[in-house]
């Protein structure tokens, strides 16, 4: 499996990725950069936006 990478290197094209937000691992997509801090803001499904420190690609789905 791929190692965790700095969030600055995460894709910003709508690709779903795993993120670490300090509380847990979530599947999320990039939303926008924060106007005040310039930090990327991520949108995990079913939750309000979060700021993340690390990311990694989603693993491939299991084969039947």
PDB file of N, CA and C in Angstrom:
ATOM      1  N   UNK A   1       0.847  -1.190   0.000  1.00  0.00           N
ATOM      2  CA  UNK A   1       0.000   0.000   0.000  1.00  0.00           C
ATOM      3  C   UNK A   1       0.888   1.248   0.000  1.00  0.00           C
ATOM      4  N   UNK A   2       0.388   2.291  -0.574  1.00  0.00           N
ATOM      5  CA  UNK A   2       1.094   3.564  -0.643  1.00  0.00           C
ATOM      6  C   UNK A   2       1.221   4.172   0.749  1.00  0.00           C
ATOM      7  N   UNK A   3       2.311   4.883   0.970  1.00  0.00           N
ATOM      8  CA  UNK A   3       2.530   5.566   2.246  1.00  0.00           C
ATOM      9  C   UNK A   3       1.735   6.871   2.288  1.00  0.00           C
ATOM     10  N   UNK A   4       1.464   7.365   3.494  1.00  0.00           N
ATOM     11  CA  UNK A   4       0.821   8.664   3.663  1.00  0.00           C
ATOM     12  C   UNK A   4       1.724   9.747   3.090  1.00  0.00           C
ATOM     13  N   UNK A   5       1.115  10.719   2.413  1.00  0.00           N
ATOM     14  CA  UNK A   5       1.839  11.814   1.791  1.00  0.00           C
ATOM     15  C   UNK A   5       1.324  13.144   2.334  1.00  0.00           C
ATOM     16  N   UNK A   6       2.154  14.162   2.261  1.00  0.00           N
ATOM     17  CA  UNK A   6       1.748  15.495   2.694  1.00  0.00           C
ATOM     18  C   UNK A   6       0.539  15.948   1.877  1.00  0.00           C
ATOM     19  N   UNK A   7      -0.414  16.590   2.513  1.00  0.00           N
ATOM     20  CA  UNK A   7      -1.655  16.997   1.856  1.00  0.00           C
ATOM     21  C   UNK A   7      -1.409  17.958   0.696  1.00  0.00           C
ATOM     22  N   UNK A   8      -0.293  18.674   0.719  1.00  0.00           N
ATOM     23  CA  UNK A   8       0.025  19.610  -0.367  1.00  0.00           C
ATOM     24  C   UNK A   8       0.200  18.897  -1.707  1.00  0.00           C
ATOM     25  N   UNK A   9       0.464  17.587  -1.679  1.00  0.00           N
ATOM     26  CA  UNK A   9       0.670  16.838  -2.922  1.00  0.00           C
ATOM     27  C   UNK A   9      -0.594  16.124  -3.403  1.00  0.00           C
ATOM     28  N   UNK A  10      -1.709  16.269  -2.687  1.00  0.00           N
ATOM     29  CA  UNK A  10      -2.949  15.560  -3.023  1.00  0.00           C
ATOM     30  C   UNK A  10      -3.565  16.101  -4.309  1.00  0.00           C
ATOM     31  N   UNK A  11      -4.259  15.245  -5.066  1.00  0.00           N
ATOM     32  CA  UNK A  11      -4.927  15.698  -6.281  1.00  0.00           C
ATOM     33  C   UNK A  11      -6.075  16.656  -5.962  1.00  0.00           C
ATOM     34  N   UNK A  12      -6.246  17.648  -6.812  1.00  0.00           N
ATOM     35  CA  UNK A  12      -7.315  18.642  -6.622  1.00  0.00           C
ATOM     36  C   UNK A  12      -8.279  18.619  -7.800  1.00  0.00           C
ATOM     37  N   UNK A  13      -8.451  17.439  -8.390  1.00  0.00           N
ATOM     38  CA  UNK A  13      -9.288  17.299  -9.585  1.00  0.00           C
ATOM     39  C   UNK A  13     -10.605  16.568  -9.328  1.00  0.00           C
ATOM     40  N   UNK A  14     -10.987  16.443  -8.052  1.00  0.00           N
ATOM     41  CA  UNK A  14     -12.230  15.751  -7.722  1.00  0.00           C
ATOM     42  C   UNK A  14     -12.049  14.280  -7.410  1.00  0.00           C
ATOM     43  N   UNK A  15     -10.820  13.786  -7.478  1.00  0.00           N
ATOM     44  CA  UNK A  15     -10.534  12.393  -7.160  1.00  0.00           C
ATOM     45  C   UNK A  15     -10.769  12.137  -5.676  1.00  0.00           C
ATOM     46  N   UNK A  16     -11.469  11.058  -5.350  1.00  0.00           N
ATOM     47  CA  UNK A  16     -11.634  10.675  -3.952  1.00  0.00           C
ATOM     48  C   UNK A  16     -10.334  10.066  -3.450  1.00  0.00           C
ATOM     49  N   UNK A  17      -9.926  10.485  -2.255  1.00  0.00           N
ATOM     50  CA  UNK A  17      -8.708   9.966  -1.633  1.00  0.00           C
ATOM     51  C   UNK A  17      -8.980   9.713  -0.158  1.00  0.00           C
ATOM     52  N   UNK A  18      -8.078   8.991   0.490  1.00  0.00           N
ATOM     53  CA  UNK A  18      -8.122   8.862   1.942  1.00  0.00           C
ATOM     54  C   UNK A  18      -7.385  10.047   2.528  1.00  0.00           C
ATOM     55  N   UNK A  19      -7.971  10.670   3.552  1.00  0.00           N
ATOM     56  CA  UNK A  19      -7.297  11.775   4.230  1.00  0.00           C
ATOM     57  C   UNK A  19      -7.202  11.476   5.718  1.00  0.00           C
ATOM     58  N   UNK A  20      -6.210  12.060   6.361  1.00  0.00           N
ATOM     59  CA  UNK A  20      -6.075  12.035   7.814  1.00  0.00           C
ATOM     60  C   UNK A  20      -6.313  13.455   8.286  1.00  0.00           C
ATOM     61  N   UNK A  21      -7.326  13.651   9.140  1.00  0.00           N
ATOM     62  CA  UNK A  21      -7.667  15.005   9.593  1.00  0.00           C
ATOM     63  C   UNK A  21      -7.363  15.235  11.073  1.00  0.00           C
ATOM     64  N   UNK A  22      -6.588  14.351  11.677  1.00  0.00           N
ATOM     65  CA  UNK A  22      -6.244  14.484  13.084  1.00  0.00           C
ATOM     66  C   UNK A  22      -7.190  13.728  13.994  1.00  0.00           C
ATOM     67  N   UNK A  23      -8.361  13.360  13.474  1.00  0.00           N
ATOM     68  CA  UNK A  23      -9.339  12.603  14.261  1.00  0.00           C
ATOM     69  C   UNK A  23      -9.574  11.206  13.698  1.00  0.00           C
ATOM     70  N   UNK A  24      -9.295  11.036  12.423  1.00  0.00           N
ATOM     71  CA  UNK A  24      -9.518   9.742  11.801  1.00  0.00           C
ATOM     72  C   UNK A  24      -9.238   9.781  10.316  1.00  0.00           C
ATOM     73  N   UNK A  25      -9.378   8.626   9.703  1.00  0.00           N
ATOM     74  CA  UNK A  25      -9.199   8.482   8.261  1.00  0.00           C
ATOM     75  C   UNK A  25     -10.564   8.581   7.606  1.00  0.00           C
ATOM     76  N   UNK A  26     -10.642   9.366   6.546  1.00  0.00           N
ATOM     77  CA  UNK A  26     -11.914   9.572   5.854  1.00  0.00           C
ATOM     78  C   UNK A  26     -11.697   9.554   4.347  1.00  0.00           C
ATOM     79  N   UNK A  27     -12.722   9.175   3.608  1.00  0.00           N
ATOM     80  CA  UNK A  27     -12.711   9.318   2.155  1.00  0.00           C
ATOM     81  C   UNK A  27     -13.224  10.718   1.862  1.00  0.00           C
ATOM     82  N   UNK A  28     -12.495  11.475   1.059  1.00  0.00           N
ATOM     83  CA  UNK A  28     -12.879  12.865   0.813  1.00  0.00           C
ATOM     84  C   UNK A  28     -12.411  13.320  -0.562  1.00  0.00           C
ATOM     85  N   UNK A  29     -12.972  14.440  -0.995  1.00  0.00           N
ATOM     86  CA  UNK A  29     -12.540  15.104  -2.224  1.00  0.00           C
ATOM     87  C   UNK A  29     -12.166  16.546  -1.891  1.00  0.00           C
ATOM     88  N   UNK A  30     -11.243  17.078  -2.668  1.00  0.00           N
ATOM     89  CA  UNK A  30     -10.817  18.465  -2.499  1.00  0.00           C
ATOM     90  C   UNK A  30     -11.980  19.397  -2.799  1.00  0.00           C
ATOM     91  N   UNK A  31     -12.133  20.450  -1.992  1.00  0.00           N
ATOM     92  CA  UNK A  31     -13.208  21.414  -2.184  1.00  0.00           C
ATOM     93  C   UNK A  31     -12.666  22.740  -2.699  1.00  0.00           C
ATOM     94  N   UNK A  32     -11.762  23.375  -1.937  1.00  0.00           N
ATOM     95  CA  UNK A  32     -11.170  24.658  -2.326  1.00  0.00           C
ATOM     96  C   UNK A  32     -10.071  24.993  -1.336  1.00  0.00           C
ATOM     97  N   UNK A  33      -9.303  26.029  -1.616  1.00  0.00           N
ATOM     98  CA  UNK A  33      -8.300  26.505  -0.658  1.00  0.00           C
ATOM     99  C   UNK A  33      -8.945  27.549   0.241  1.00  0.00           C
ATOM    100  N   UNK A  34      -8.633  27.484   1.536  1.00  0.00           N
ATOM    101  CA  UNK A  34      -9.143  28.455   2.495  1.00  0.00           C
ATOM    102  C   UNK A  34      -8.664  29.850   2.111  1.00  0.00           C
ATOM    103  N   UNK A  35      -9.571  30.812   2.065  1.00  0.00           N
ATOM    104  CA  UNK A  35      -9.231  32.180   1.644  1.00  0.00           C
ATOM    105  C   UNK A  35      -8.228  32.850   2.576  1.00  0.00           C
ATOM    106  N   UNK A  36      -8.290  32.548   3.861  1.00  0.00           N
ATOM    107  CA  UNK A  36      -7.405  33.205   4.827  1.00  0.00           C
ATOM    108  C   UNK A  36      -6.055  32.515   4.965  1.00  0.00           C
ATOM    109  N   UNK A  37      -6.059  31.174   5.032  1.00  0.00           N
ATOM    110  CA  UNK A  37      -4.809  30.445   5.294  1.00  0.00           C
ATOM    111  C   UNK A  37      -4.178  29.852   4.048  1.00  0.00           C
ATOM    112  N   UNK A  38      -4.953  29.685   2.983  1.00  0.00           N
ATOM    113  CA  UNK A  38      -4.446  29.040   1.783  1.00  0.00           C
ATOM    114  C   UNK A  38      -4.385  27.522   1.893  1.00  0.00           C
ATOM    115  N   UNK A  39      -4.806  26.980   3.049  1.00  0.00           N
ATOM    116  CA  UNK A  39      -4.794  25.525   3.232  1.00  0.00           C
ATOM    117  C   UNK A  39      -5.916  24.878   2.426  1.00  0.00           C
ATOM    118  N   UNK A  40      -5.664  23.670   1.885  1.00  0.00           N
ATOM    119  CA  UNK A  40      -6.737  22.963   1.178  1.00  0.00           C
ATOM    120  C   UNK A  40      -7.849  22.563   2.147  1.00  0.00           C
ATOM    121  N   UNK A  41      -9.070  22.647   1.693  1.00  0.00           N
ATOM    122  CA  UNK A  41     -10.240  22.244   2.469  1.00  0.00           C
ATOM    123  C   UNK A  41     -10.834  21.017   1.773  1.00  0.00           C
ATOM    124  N   UNK A  42     -11.131  19.988   2.542  1.00  0.00           N
ATOM    125  CA  UNK A  42     -11.610  18.711   2.014  1.00  0.00           C
ATOM    126  C   UNK A  42     -13.041  18.449   2.447  1.00  0.00           C
ATOM    127  N   UNK A  43     -13.801  17.761   1.611  1.00  0.00           N
ATOM    128  CA  UNK A  43     -15.195  17.462   1.894  1.00  0.00           C
ATOM    129  C   UNK A  43     -15.376  15.950   1.990  1.00  0.00           C
ATOM    130  N   UNK A  44     -15.452  15.410   3.216  1.00  0.00           N
ATOM    131  CA  UNK A  44     -15.767  13.990   3.361  1.00  0.00           C
ATOM    132  C   UNK A  44     -17.276  13.788   3.290  1.00  0.00           C
ATOM    133  N   UNK A  45     -17.702  12.743   2.648  1.00  0.00           N
ATOM    134  CA  UNK A  45     -19.134  12.485   2.487  1.00  0.00           C
ATOM    135  C   UNK A  45     -19.836  12.422   3.840  1.00  0.00           C
ATOM    136  N   UNK A  46     -20.921  13.164   3.979  1.00  0.00           N
ATOM    137  CA  UNK A  46     -21.728  13.149   5.179  1.00  0.00           C
ATOM    138  C   UNK A  46     -21.221  14.019   6.320  1.00  0.00           C
ATOM    139  N   UNK A  47     -20.126  14.724   6.117  1.00  0.00           N
ATOM    140  CA  UNK A  47     -19.564  15.579   7.162  1.00  0.00           C
ATOM    141  C   UNK A  47     -19.319  16.973   6.608  1.00  0.00           C
ATOM    142  N   UNK A  48     -19.234  17.969   7.484  1.00  0.00           N
ATOM    143  CA  UNK A  48     -18.827  19.287   7.010  1.00  0.00           C
ATOM    144  C   UNK A  48     -17.366  19.223   6.561  1.00  0.00           C
ATOM    145  N   UNK A  49     -16.896  20.278   5.970  1.00  0.00           N
ATOM    146  CA  UNK A  49     -15.521  20.290   5.475  1.00  0.00           C
ATOM    147  C   UNK A  49     -14.521  20.066   6.607  1.00  0.00           C
ATOM    148  N   UNK A  50     -13.347  19.579   6.256  1.00  0.00           N
ATOM    149  CA  UNK A  50     -12.269  19.366   7.215  1.00  0.00           C
ATOM    150  C   UNK A  50     -10.957  19.829   6.591  1.00  0.00           C
ATOM    151  N   UNK A  51      -9.985  20.072   7.441  1.00  0.00           N
ATOM    152  CA  UNK A  51      -8.624  20.329   6.988  1.00  0.00           C
ATOM    153  C   UNK A  51      -7.814  19.081   7.299  1.00  0.00           C
ATOM    154  N   UNK A  52      -7.032  18.646   6.368  1.00  0.00           N
ATOM    155  CA  UNK A  52      -6.278  17.407   6.518  1.00  0.00           C
ATOM    156  C   UNK A  52      -4.783  17.683   6.465  1.00  0.00           C
ATOM    157  N   UNK A  53      -4.015  16.784   7.048  1.00  0.00           N
ATOM    158  CA  UNK A  53      -2.560  16.941   7.008  1.00  0.00           C
ATOM    159  C   UNK A  53      -1.895  15.955   6.055  1.00  0.00           C
ATOM    160  N   UNK A  54      -2.547  14.797   5.803  1.00  0.00           N
ATOM    161  CA  UNK A  54      -1.956  13.770   4.966  1.00  0.00           C
ATOM    162  C   UNK A  54      -3.030  13.095   4.108  1.00  0.00           C
ATOM    163  N   UNK A  55      -2.594  12.443   3.056  1.00  0.00           N
ATOM    164  CA  UNK A  55      -3.511  11.743   2.156  1.00  0.00           C
ATOM    165  C   UNK A  55      -2.825  10.519   1.567  1.00  0.00           C
ATOM    166  N   UNK A  56      -3.630   9.621   1.015  1.00  0.00           N
ATOM    167  CA  UNK A  56      -3.128   8.513   0.202  1.00  0.00           C
ATOM    168  C   UNK A  56      -4.240   8.086  -0.752  1.00  0.00           C
ATOM    169  N   UNK A  57      -3.872   7.462  -1.876  1.00  0.00           N
ATOM    170  CA  UNK A  57      -4.899   7.013  -2.822  1.00  0.00           C
ATOM    171  C   UNK A  57      -5.789   5.943  -2.187  1.00  0.00           C
ATOM    172  N   UNK A  58      -7.005   5.843  -2.692  1.00  0.00           N
ATOM    173  CA  UNK A  58      -7.882   4.756  -2.261  1.00  0.00           C
ATOM    174  C   UNK A  58      -7.304   3.446  -2.760  1.00  0.00           C
ATOM    175  N   UNK A  59      -7.432   2.375  -1.986  1.00  0.00           N
ATOM    176  CA  UNK A  59      -6.986   1.073  -2.486  1.00  0.00           C
ATOM    177  C   UNK A  59      -7.938   0.590  -3.582  1.00  0.00           C
ATOM    178  N   UNK A  60      -7.495  -0.319  -4.435  1.00  0.00           N
ATOM    179  CA  UNK A  60      -8.417  -0.844  -5.444  1.00  0.00           C
ATOM    180  C   UNK A  60      -9.524  -1.635  -4.775  1.00  0.00           C
ATOM    181  N   UNK A  61     -10.701  -1.699  -5.397  1.00  0.00           N
ATOM    182  CA  UNK A  61     -11.794  -2.479  -4.810  1.00  0.00           C
ATOM    183  C   UNK A  61     -11.458  -3.978  -4.858  1.00  0.00           C
ATOM    184  N   UNK A  62     -12.079  -4.762  -4.001  1.00  0.00           N
ATOM    185  CA  UNK A  62     -11.823  -6.210  -4.020  1.00  0.00           C
ATOM    186  C   UNK A  62     -12.357  -6.840  -5.296  1.00  0.00           C
ATOM    187  N   UNK A  63     -11.759  -7.913  -5.696  1.00  0.00           N
ATOM    188  CA  UNK A  63     -12.264  -8.646  -6.861  1.00  0.00           C
ATOM    189  C   UNK A  63     -13.253  -9.705  -6.393  1.00  0.00           C
ATOM    190  N   UNK A  64     -14.300  -9.918  -7.169  1.00  0.00           N
ATOM    191  CA  UNK A  64     -15.324 -10.899  -6.752  1.00  0.00           C
ATOM    192  C   UNK A  64     -14.791 -12.306  -6.691  1.00  0.00           C
TER     193      UNK A  64
END
